[in-house]
Amino acid sequence: VADRPALSDEWTTVFDFIEPDYHELLQALVAAGHTAAPEVGDALIDEQGQVLAEAELAWEEYKTAVFLEDQAEDQEVFSTSGWRTFQIADEEGVVAYLAQAT
């Protein structure tokens, strides 16, 4: 994308793996100066190694995860496990929370 600032390899990978429909959130995070790229498709795993839930994007160091509209059950599992969770459409909320968390 031509209007995107220079990105780290980690951010470039995130843009490559995320559907273009969701690039607005990523662009807002980059524009806000958030340097830590999220993990894409991060899973919450129990002590036995079983996947409990998956997030579209996650920052483990901030226990923050972002979910697609159809991931309500996964979002609830992350939330009850102590994570701060957002819907991908809540661009302002994600950017504001990560700005104060970093």
Protein backbone atom coordinates (compact mmCIF):
# COMPACT_ATOMS: atom_id res chain seq x y z
CA VAL A 1 0.00 0.00 0.00
CA ALA A 2 1.57 3.23 -1.15
CA ASP A 3 0.25 5.46 1.66
CA ARG A 4 1.66 3.23 4.38
CA PRO A 5 4.82 4.39 6.20
CA ALA A 6 7.92 2.18 6.19
CA LEU A 7 7.17 -0.91 8.27
CA SER A 8 9.25 -3.37 10.23
CA ASP A 9 9.36 -6.94 8.98
CA GLU A 10 6.96 -7.93 11.77
CA TRP A 11 4.35 -5.38 10.71
CA THR A 12 4.77 -6.30 7.03
CA THR A 13 4.03 -9.92 7.92
CA VAL A 14 0.91 -8.89 9.85
CA PHE A 15 -0.38 -6.87 6.88
CA ASP A 16 0.33 -9.85 4.59
CA PHE A 17 -1.66 -12.28 6.76
CA ILE A 18 -4.66 -10.10 7.63
CA GLU A 19 -7.56 -9.62 5.22
CA PRO A 20 -7.39 -6.21 3.51
CA ASP A 21 -10.80 -5.38 5.01
CA TYR A 22 -9.08 -5.11 8.40
CA HIS A 23 -6.06 -3.06 7.33
CA GLU A 24 -7.63 0.15 8.69
CA LEU A 25 -7.02 -1.00 12.26
CA LEU A 26 -3.43 -1.93 11.46
CA GLN A 27 -2.85 1.40 9.71
CA ALA A 28 -4.27 3.26 12.72
CA LEU A 29 -1.90 1.41 15.06
CA VAL A 30 1.12 2.16 12.87
CA ALA A 31 0.07 5.81 12.51
CA ALA A 32 -0.26 6.07 16.31
CA GLY A 33 3.34 4.89 16.64
CA HIS A 34 2.58 1.50 18.15
CA THR A 35 5.81 -0.34 17.45
CA ALA A 36 4.94 -3.82 18.76
CA ALA A 37 3.30 -5.85 16.01
CA PRO A 38 0.61 -8.31 17.10
CA GLU A 39 0.65 -12.05 16.68
CA VAL A 40 -1.79 -13.14 13.97
CA GLY A 41 -4.10 -16.05 14.81
CA ASP A 42 -2.83 -16.35 18.37
CA ALA A 43 -4.25 -19.21 20.46
CA LEU A 44 -5.00 -19.44 24.16
CA ILE A 45 -3.69 -22.84 25.27
CA ASP A 46 -4.30 -24.71 28.52
CA GLU A 47 -1.76 -26.65 30.62
CA GLN A 48 -2.38 -29.82 28.58
CA GLY A 49 -1.62 -28.04 25.31
CA GLN A 50 -5.25 -27.88 24.17
CA VAL A 51 -6.39 -24.82 22.22
CA LEU A 52 -9.11 -23.08 24.21
CA ALA A 53 -9.73 -20.15 21.86
CA GLU A 54 -8.14 -18.17 19.06
CA ALA A 55 -7.81 -14.42 18.49
CA GLU A 56 -7.36 -12.71 15.15
CA LEU A 57 -4.66 -10.44 16.63
CA ALA A 58 -2.98 -10.56 20.03
CA TRP A 59 -0.31 -8.77 22.02
CA GLU A 60 0.68 -11.27 24.70
CA GLU A 61 2.87 -8.75 26.53
CA TYR A 62 -0.23 -6.55 27.06
CA LYS A 63 -2.74 -9.44 27.36
CA THR A 64 -4.76 -7.71 24.65
CA ALA A 65 -6.60 -9.47 21.82
CA VAL A 66 -8.73 -8.46 18.86
CA PHE A 67 -11.51 -10.60 17.41
CA LEU A 68 -13.60 -10.77 14.26
CA GLU A 69 -17.36 -10.40 14.48
CA ASP A 70 -17.93 -14.18 14.38
CA GLN A 71 -15.49 -14.95 17.23
CA ALA A 72 -17.75 -14.06 20.19
CA GLU A 73 -17.16 -17.38 21.97
CA ASP A 74 -13.38 -17.12 21.58
CA GLN A 75 -13.50 -13.51 22.78
CA GLU A 76 -15.38 -14.58 25.92
CA VAL A 77 -12.76 -17.26 26.70
CA PHE A 78 -9.92 -14.74 26.40
CA SER A 79 -11.85 -12.21 28.48
CA THR A 80 -12.53 -14.65 31.32
CA SER A 81 -8.84 -15.58 31.23
CA GLY A 82 -7.87 -12.01 32.13
CA TRP A 83 -7.25 -10.57 28.67
CA ARG A 84 -8.49 -7.16 27.48
CA THR A 85 -10.52 -7.93 24.37
CA PHE A 86 -11.87 -5.87 21.47
CA GLN A 87 -13.88 -6.38 18.31
CA ILE A 88 -11.84 -5.56 15.21
CA ALA A 89 -14.31 -2.77 14.36
CA ASP A 90 -13.40 -0.93 17.60
CA GLU A 91 -10.40 0.75 16.03
CA GLU A 92 -10.40 3.73 18.41
CA GLY A 93 -10.67 1.53 21.50
CA VAL A 94 -7.79 -0.73 20.45
CA VAL A 95 -5.50 2.19 19.55
CA ALA A 96 -6.31 4.10 22.76
CA TYR A 97 -5.87 1.06 25.02
CA LEU A 98 -2.54 0.03 23.48
CA ALA A 99 -1.29 3.63 23.60
CA GLN A 100 -1.76 3.73 27.37
CA ALA A 101 -0.54 0.14 27.88
CA THR A 102 2.84 0.72 26.25
